[in-house]
Protein backbone atom coordinates (compact mmCIF):
# COMPACT_ATOMS: atom_id res chain seq x y z
CA UNK A 1 112.51 91.02 87.35
CA UNK A 2 113.91 88.34 85.02
CA UNK A 3 114.35 84.84 86.45
CA UNK A 4 116.05 81.73 85.15
CA UNK A 5 113.60 79.19 83.72
CA UNK A 6 112.75 76.32 86.03
CA UNK A 7 110.45 73.31 86.18
CA UNK A 8 106.74 74.02 86.27
CA UNK A 9 104.63 73.47 89.35
CA UNK A 10 102.76 70.73 87.50
CA UNK A 11 106.04 68.86 86.84
CA UNK A 12 107.12 69.30 90.44
CA UNK A 13 103.82 67.92 91.71
CA UNK A 14 104.06 65.01 89.25
CA UNK A 15 107.57 64.09 90.36
CA UNK A 16 106.58 64.46 94.00
CA UNK A 17 103.54 62.21 93.53
CA UNK A 18 105.57 59.59 91.66
CA UNK A 19 108.38 59.70 94.20
CA UNK A 20 105.89 59.26 97.02
CA UNK A 21 104.41 56.19 95.35
CA UNK A 22 107.87 54.77 94.67
CA UNK A 23 109.00 55.27 98.25
CA UNK A 24 105.77 53.83 99.64
CA UNK A 25 106.00 50.82 97.29
CA UNK A 26 109.67 50.29 98.13
CA UNK A 27 108.94 50.34 101.85
CA UNK A 28 106.11 47.86 101.40
CA UNK A 29 108.33 45.49 99.43
CA UNK A 30 111.12 45.89 101.97
CA UNK A 31 108.78 44.99 104.84
CA UNK A 32 107.49 41.92 102.96
CA UNK A 33 111.02 40.92 102.05
CA UNK A 34 112.33 41.21 105.59
CA UNK A 35 109.45 39.37 107.25
CA UNK A 36 109.35 36.69 104.54
CA UNK A 37 113.05 35.89 104.61
CA UNK A 38 113.08 35.95 108.38
CA UNK A 39 111.34 32.56 108.56
CA UNK A 40 113.09 30.94 105.60
CA UNK A 41 116.37 29.11 106.30
CA UNK A 42 119.45 29.77 104.26
CA UNK A 43 119.70 26.16 102.99
CA UNK A 44 117.43 23.33 104.02
CA UNK A 45 116.50 19.90 102.70
CA UNK A 46 112.97 18.61 102.81
CA UNK A 47 110.97 16.05 100.91
CA UNK A 48 112.95 14.76 97.89
CA UNK A 49 115.68 17.12 98.86
CA UNK A 50 113.74 20.18 97.77
CA UNK A 51 112.43 22.90 100.11
CA UNK A 52 112.02 26.69 99.97
CA UNK A 53 115.17 28.60 100.79
CA UNK A 54 116.33 32.17 100.53
CA UNK A 55 118.12 31.64 97.27
CA UNK A 56 115.02 30.35 95.53
CA UNK A 57 112.82 33.07 96.99
CA UNK A 58 115.21 35.80 95.88
CA UNK A 59 115.33 34.46 92.30
CA UNK A 60 111.56 34.03 92.27
CA UNK A 61 110.51 37.23 94.07
CA UNK A 62 113.01 39.82 92.82
CA UNK A 63 111.99 40.06 89.10
CA UNK A 64 108.25 40.51 89.75
CA UNK A 65 109.04 43.02 92.49
CA UNK A 66 111.21 45.04 90.11
CA UNK A 67 108.49 44.97 87.46
CA UNK A 68 105.91 46.06 90.04
CA UNK A 69 108.12 48.96 91.15
CA UNK A 70 108.64 50.09 87.55
CA UNK A 71 104.89 49.90 86.88
CA UNK A 72 104.19 51.80 90.08
CA UNK A 73 106.64 54.53 89.04
CA UNK A 74 105.10 54.84 85.57
CA UNK A 75 101.63 54.94 87.10
CA UNK A 76 102.76 57.63 89.52
CA UNK A 77 104.21 59.77 86.72
CA UNK A 78 101.21 59.46 84.39
CA UNK A 79 98.59 59.70 87.11
CA UNK A 80 100.44 62.50 88.87
CA UNK A 81 100.68 64.49 85.64
CA UNK A 82 96.93 64.37 84.98
CA UNK A 83 96.06 64.83 88.66
CA UNK A 84 98.34 67.87 88.97
CA UNK A 85 96.87 69.36 85.79
CA UNK A 86 93.36 68.96 87.11
CA UNK A 87 94.27 70.44 90.49
CA UNK A 88 96.08 73.42 88.94
CA UNK A 89 93.41 74.24 86.35
CA UNK A 90 91.79 76.91 88.61
CA UNK A 91 95.21 78.51 89.05
CA UNK A 92 95.50 78.86 85.27
CA UNK A 93 92.21 80.80 85.25
CA UNK A 94 93.48 83.13 87.95
CA UNK A 95 96.78 83.62 86.08
CA UNK A 96 94.92 84.53 82.88
CA UNK A 97 92.78 87.02 84.77
CA UNK A 98 95.92 88.55 86.30
CA UNK A 99 97.44 88.91 82.81
CA UNK A 100 94.33 90.69 81.58
CA UNK A 101 94.38 93.00 84.59
CA UNK A 102 98.07 93.73 83.96
CA UNK A 103 97.25 94.74 80.39
CA UNK A 104 94.64 97.21 81.63
CA UNK A 105 91.44 95.12 81.40
CA UNK A 106 89.86 95.40 84.86
CA UNK A 107 86.34 94.43 83.81
CA UNK A 108 87.15 90.71 83.52
CA UNK A 109 85.99 88.45 86.36
CA UNK A 110 86.93 84.83 87.05
CA UNK A 111 83.66 83.76 88.69
CA UNK A 112 85.01 80.26 89.39
CA UNK A 113 82.32 77.63 89.86
CA UNK A 114 82.33 74.73 92.27
CA UNK A 115 82.39 74.24 96.00
CA UNK A 116 84.41 76.42 98.33
CA UNK A 117 88.11 75.58 98.62
CA UNK A 118 91.44 77.43 98.64
CA UNK A 119 91.38 78.15 94.90
CA UNK A 120 87.75 79.34 94.97
CA UNK A 121 88.57 81.58 97.93
CA UNK A 122 91.55 83.01 96.03
CA UNK A 123 89.37 83.51 92.95
CA UNK A 124 86.66 85.35 94.90
CA UNK A 125 89.28 87.53 96.59
CA UNK A 126 90.85 88.33 93.22
CA UNK A 127 87.44 89.23 91.75
CA UNK A 128 86.79 91.53 94.70
CA UNK A 129 90.18 93.17 94.23
CA UNK A 130 89.51 93.68 90.51
CA UNK A 131 86.17 95.30 91.31
CA UNK A 132 87.77 97.67 93.79
CA UNK A 133 90.59 98.52 91.36
CA UNK A 134 88.09 99.18 88.57
CA UNK A 135 86.08 101.42 90.85
CA UNK A 136 89.16 103.33 92.03
CA UNK A 137 90.50 103.79 88.50
CA UNK A 138 87.12 105.06 87.30
CA UNK A 139 86.97 107.42 90.28
CA UNK A 140 90.49 108.71 89.59
CA UNK A 141 89.71 109.25 85.92
CA UNK A 142 86.54 111.12 86.77
CA UNK A 143 88.41 113.14 89.39
CA UNK A 144 91.18 114.02 86.93
CA UNK A 145 88.64 115.11 84.32
CA UNK A 146 86.75 117.26 86.83
CA UNK A 147 89.96 118.72 88.24
CA UNK A 148 91.16 119.65 84.76
CA UNK A 149 87.86 121.34 84.06
CA UNK A 150 87.81 123.20 87.37
CA UNK A 151 91.40 124.42 86.97
CA UNK A 152 90.88 125.40 83.36
CA UNK A 153 87.98 127.69 84.23
CA UNK A 154 89.88 130.29 86.32
CA UNK A 155 92.79 130.21 83.89
CA UNK A 156 90.44 130.86 80.99
CA UNK A 157 88.82 133.73 82.89
CA UNK A 158 92.22 135.24 83.65
CA UNK A 159 93.24 135.06 80.01
CA UNK A 160 89.95 136.67 78.93
CA UNK A 161 90.41 139.53 81.41
CA UNK A 162 93.96 140.13 80.20
CA UNK A 163 92.86 140.09 76.57
CA UNK A 164 90.12 142.63 77.31
CA UNK A 165 92.56 144.87 79.16
CA UNK A 166 95.05 144.70 76.30
CA UNK A 167 92.42 145.58 73.70
CA UNK A 168 90.78 148.29 75.85
CA UNK A 169 93.45 150.45 77.56
CA UNK A 170 90.75 152.72 78.96
CA UNK A 171 89.26 149.96 81.10
CA UNK A 172 89.38 150.51 84.86
CA UNK A 173 92.67 148.96 86.00
CA UNK A 174 91.62 148.63 89.66
CA UNK A 175 88.55 146.63 88.69
CA UNK A 176 90.67 144.38 86.49
CA UNK A 177 93.19 143.76 89.26
CA UNK A 178 90.42 142.98 91.74
CA UNK A 179 88.81 140.44 89.42
CA UNK A 180 92.15 138.84 88.62
CA UNK A 181 92.84 138.60 92.35
CA UNK A 182 89.52 136.84 92.94
CA UNK A 183 90.08 134.39 90.08
CA UNK A 184 93.63 133.57 91.18
CA UNK A 185 92.51 133.14 94.79
CA UNK A 186 89.91 130.65 93.63
CA UNK A 187 92.52 128.74 91.61
CA UNK A 188 94.91 128.66 94.58
CA UNK A 189 92.17 127.47 96.94
CA UNK A 190 91.22 124.74 94.48
CA UNK A 191 94.83 123.60 94.14
CA UNK A 192 95.29 123.49 97.91
CA UNK A 193 92.07 121.51 98.25
CA UNK A 194 93.28 119.01 95.66
CA UNK A 195 96.59 118.60 97.49
CA UNK A 196 94.79 118.14 100.80
CA UNK A 197 92.48 115.56 99.26
CA UNK A 198 95.46 113.66 97.88
CA UNK A 199 97.24 113.82 101.24
CA UNK A 200 94.22 112.48 103.06
CA UNK A 201 93.93 109.54 100.66
CA UNK A 202 97.60 108.57 101.09
CA UNK A 203 97.28 108.24 104.90
CA UNK A 204 100.93 109.29 105.30
CA UNK A 205 100.79 111.42 108.42
CA UNK A 206 102.06 111.33 111.98
CA UNK A 207 99.45 110.18 114.48
CA UNK A 208 98.87 111.82 117.83
CA UNK A 209 96.11 111.93 120.42
CA UNK A 210 93.46 114.48 119.39
CA UNK A 211 90.33 115.66 121.20
CA UNK A 212 87.51 116.29 118.73
CA UNK A 213 85.69 118.55 121.19
CA UNK A 214 88.62 120.99 121.22
CA UNK A 215 88.74 120.98 117.42
CA UNK A 216 85.02 121.75 117.20
CA UNK A 217 85.44 124.71 119.53
CA UNK A 218 88.33 126.04 117.43
CA UNK A 219 86.40 125.59 114.19
CA UNK A 220 83.27 127.19 115.65
CA UNK A 221 85.26 130.18 116.88
CA UNK A 222 86.79 130.64 113.43
CA UNK A 223 83.46 130.36 111.59
CA UNK A 224 81.36 132.31 114.09
CA UNK A 225 81.62 135.61 112.11
CA UNK A 226 80.42 133.80 108.99
CA UNK A 227 77.47 132.33 110.89
CA UNK A 228 76.57 135.64 112.50
CA UNK A 229 76.73 137.38 109.14
CA UNK A 230 74.17 134.94 107.80
CA UNK A 231 72.11 135.07 111.04
CA UNK A 232 72.83 131.38 111.71
CA UNK A 233 72.87 130.14 115.31
CA UNK A 234 75.97 128.02 115.87
CA UNK A 235 75.88 125.77 118.95
CA UNK A 236 78.65 123.44 120.18
CA UNK A 237 77.75 120.75 122.73
CA UNK A 238 79.05 117.43 123.98
CA UNK A 239 81.96 115.97 125.86
CA UNK A 240 85.56 115.03 125.16
CA UNK A 241 86.05 112.56 122.30
CA UNK A 242 89.65 111.52 121.80
CA UNK A 243 91.00 109.76 118.75
CA UNK A 244 94.38 109.12 117.14
CA UNK A 245 95.39 110.90 113.96
CA UNK A 246 96.58 114.11 112.38
CA UNK A 247 95.40 117.18 114.30
CA UNK A 248 95.74 119.31 111.15
CA UNK A 249 93.67 117.00 108.96
CA UNK A 250 91.03 116.43 111.63
CA UNK A 251 90.73 120.18 112.17
CA UNK A 252 90.18 120.62 108.43
CA UNK A 253 87.56 117.87 108.56
CA UNK A 254 85.65 119.61 111.37
CA UNK A 255 86.03 123.04 109.74
CA UNK A 256 84.73 121.78 106.41
CA UNK A 257 81.72 120.17 108.06
CA UNK A 258 80.81 123.26 110.08
CA UNK A 259 81.38 125.63 107.14
CA UNK A 260 79.35 123.35 104.90
CA UNK A 261 76.52 123.38 107.45
CA UNK A 262 76.61 127.19 107.68
CA UNK A 263 76.84 127.91 103.95
CA UNK A 264 74.18 125.37 102.95
CA UNK A 265 71.69 126.54 105.54
CA UNK A 266 68.52 128.56 105.27
CA UNK A 267 69.09 132.08 103.90
CA UNK A 268 68.71 133.47 107.43
CA UNK A 269 67.73 132.43 110.94
CA UNK A 270 69.03 128.87 110.53
CA UNK A 271 70.59 126.55 113.07
CA UNK A 272 73.83 124.54 113.17
CA UNK A 273 74.53 122.11 116.02
CA UNK A 274 77.91 120.46 116.54
CA UNK A 275 78.07 117.63 119.09
CA UNK A 276 80.93 115.38 120.22
CA UNK A 277 80.88 112.38 122.52
CA UNK A 278 82.68 109.12 123.26
CA UNK A 279 80.69 105.90 122.88
CA UNK A 280 82.73 102.98 124.17
CA UNK A 281 85.68 102.57 121.84
CA UNK A 282 84.32 105.09 119.31
CA UNK A 283 84.56 108.88 119.18
CA UNK A 284 81.55 110.50 117.53
CA UNK A 285 81.22 113.91 115.86
CA UNK A 286 77.74 114.98 114.76
CA UNK A 287 77.04 118.11 112.70
CA UNK A 288 73.39 118.98 112.05
CA UNK A 289 71.99 121.93 110.18
CA UNK A 290 68.64 123.25 109.04
CA UNK A 291 67.97 124.02 105.40
CA UNK A 292 66.00 122.91 102.41
CA UNK A 293 64.90 119.32 102.00
CA UNK A 294 67.40 117.17 100.14
CA UNK A 295 66.45 114.16 98.01
CA UNK A 296 68.17 110.91 99.06
CA UNK A 297 69.74 110.45 95.62
CA UNK A 298 71.49 113.81 95.99
CA UNK A 299 72.76 113.05 99.51
CA UNK A 300 74.35 109.83 98.25
CA UNK A 301 76.59 111.79 95.85
CA UNK A 302 77.69 114.66 98.10
CA UNK A 303 80.99 113.00 99.09
CA UNK A 304 82.10 112.64 95.46
CA UNK A 305 84.74 115.15 94.29
CA UNK A 306 83.33 118.27 92.59
CA UNK A 307 79.78 117.24 93.44
CA UNK A 308 77.72 120.28 94.36
CA UNK A 309 74.29 120.19 95.94
CA UNK A 310 72.34 121.98 93.23
CA UNK A 311 69.32 122.44 95.45
CA UNK A 312 71.29 123.91 98.32
CA UNK A 313 71.60 127.64 98.90
CA UNK A 314 75.02 129.00 97.99
CA UNK A 315 76.51 132.47 97.85
CA UNK A 316 79.12 133.79 95.49
CA UNK A 317 81.71 134.32 98.18
CA UNK A 318 81.40 130.67 99.19
CA UNK A 319 80.75 129.04 95.83
CA UNK A 320 83.36 126.40 96.53
CA UNK A 321 84.68 123.75 94.18
CA UNK A 322 82.63 120.82 95.41
CA UNK A 323 85.52 119.33 97.39
CA UNK A 324 84.43 120.06 100.97
CA UNK A 325 82.69 116.78 101.76
CA UNK A 326 85.06 114.85 99.47
CA UNK A 327 87.97 116.04 101.63
CA UNK A 328 86.02 115.11 104.77
CA UNK A 329 85.37 111.66 103.37
CA UNK A 330 89.03 111.08 102.50
CA UNK A 331 90.21 112.24 105.94
CA UNK A 332 87.67 110.03 107.73
CA UNK A 333 88.66 107.06 105.61
CA UNK A 334 92.37 107.70 106.24
CA UNK A 335 91.64 107.60 109.98
CA UNK A 336 89.78 104.26 109.70
CA UNK A 337 86.44 105.91 110.46
CA UNK A 338 82.99 106.06 108.91
CA UNK A 339 81.00 108.97 107.51
CA UNK A 340 77.19 108.94 107.38
CA UNK A 341 75.06 111.59 105.68
CA UNK A 342 71.31 111.64 106.31
CA UNK A 343 68.77 114.13 105.02
CA UNK A 344 66.67 115.59 107.85
CA UNK A 345 62.90 115.18 107.33
CA UNK A 346 62.36 118.83 108.19
CA UNK A 347 65.14 119.93 105.85
CA UNK A 348 68.89 120.18 106.10
CA UNK A 349 71.53 117.54 106.68
CA UNK A 350 72.81 115.38 109.55
CA UNK A 351 76.44 114.30 109.25
CA UNK A 352 77.87 111.72 111.67
CA UNK A 353 81.58 110.89 111.86
CA UNK A 354 82.72 107.86 113.85
CA UNK A 355 86.44 107.43 114.56
CA UNK A 356 88.34 104.87 116.66
CA UNK A 357 88.58 106.25 120.18
CA UNK A 358 91.59 106.39 122.46
CA UNK A 359 89.86 107.25 125.71
CA UNK A 360 89.38 105.01 128.79
CA UNK A 361 88.13 101.61 127.75
CA UNK A 362 88.84 102.20 124.09
CA UNK A 363 90.71 99.65 122.06
CA UNK A 364 94.16 100.93 121.29
């Protein structure tokens, strides 16, 4: 947006400072003038016919007063100019940092020295914002690179299968169609997961009252055949835990957590426990599963997009794209909640989701 040029803030402050001094000086002179002339007669005769009168005082007092006012105005302009420049120097640093950020340089930091004041507070806030922007941009770039790689893989496989079929007409067509179907299904699932992840990060959804306990029962019922096929005991416990948000996104969050707990369990005879409860103004969902021991450094990266637990047991039919916990994290964040992942000492993972509650006594 183009604007007409105007006076700088430094000039405005200078003129304001000078005007304040001029007004204050004028008022002081006016008060002295009024009170001084109040006790001086208009025309009086004293010793030798000479005595102070208003005429003499005006001729004597007016020129020095005018000189004093002019000097005060000059002092106000000069002093105000330097004082305004000194006061606005931190703002110039912030402006330069903003220009660098606008040109794409997010690594610059102001790091303004000195005691805490409004400018230092603004500087620290700006540095924090730059750090968050740099982190988000790096995350988006890494996500875009990983997404491109993940989407390129099924497309490359499809092209290879078609090339083989074209060069070898005797190849089994049913087998080719089945493999193409599997590859395309994987690509579609990945695309839908990416769209869901993007939707969760935008936080543009209609909010309604949702009971997490009902969502856990629905997710457990859907995933029970998968758990039984892997000989995993799936248990759902707890009480009602109401929150406000998107029922669809929260159901996907619960489903991803339960499926993740089932798939990354022991090969057989494992255990998955899903528990919900309301704690004051917070609704809590806890998903715990048995499995192999996970190093803390691996647990810390599981919510990153396309991050797969390399030491966790996976099967071909549930290879996934590494977006399950990333989607959970984005949904929890969009609902102003927290997500905690802790490796169980005996093996497996404990995931705790805390969301703002809407039950009795909860802050609405």
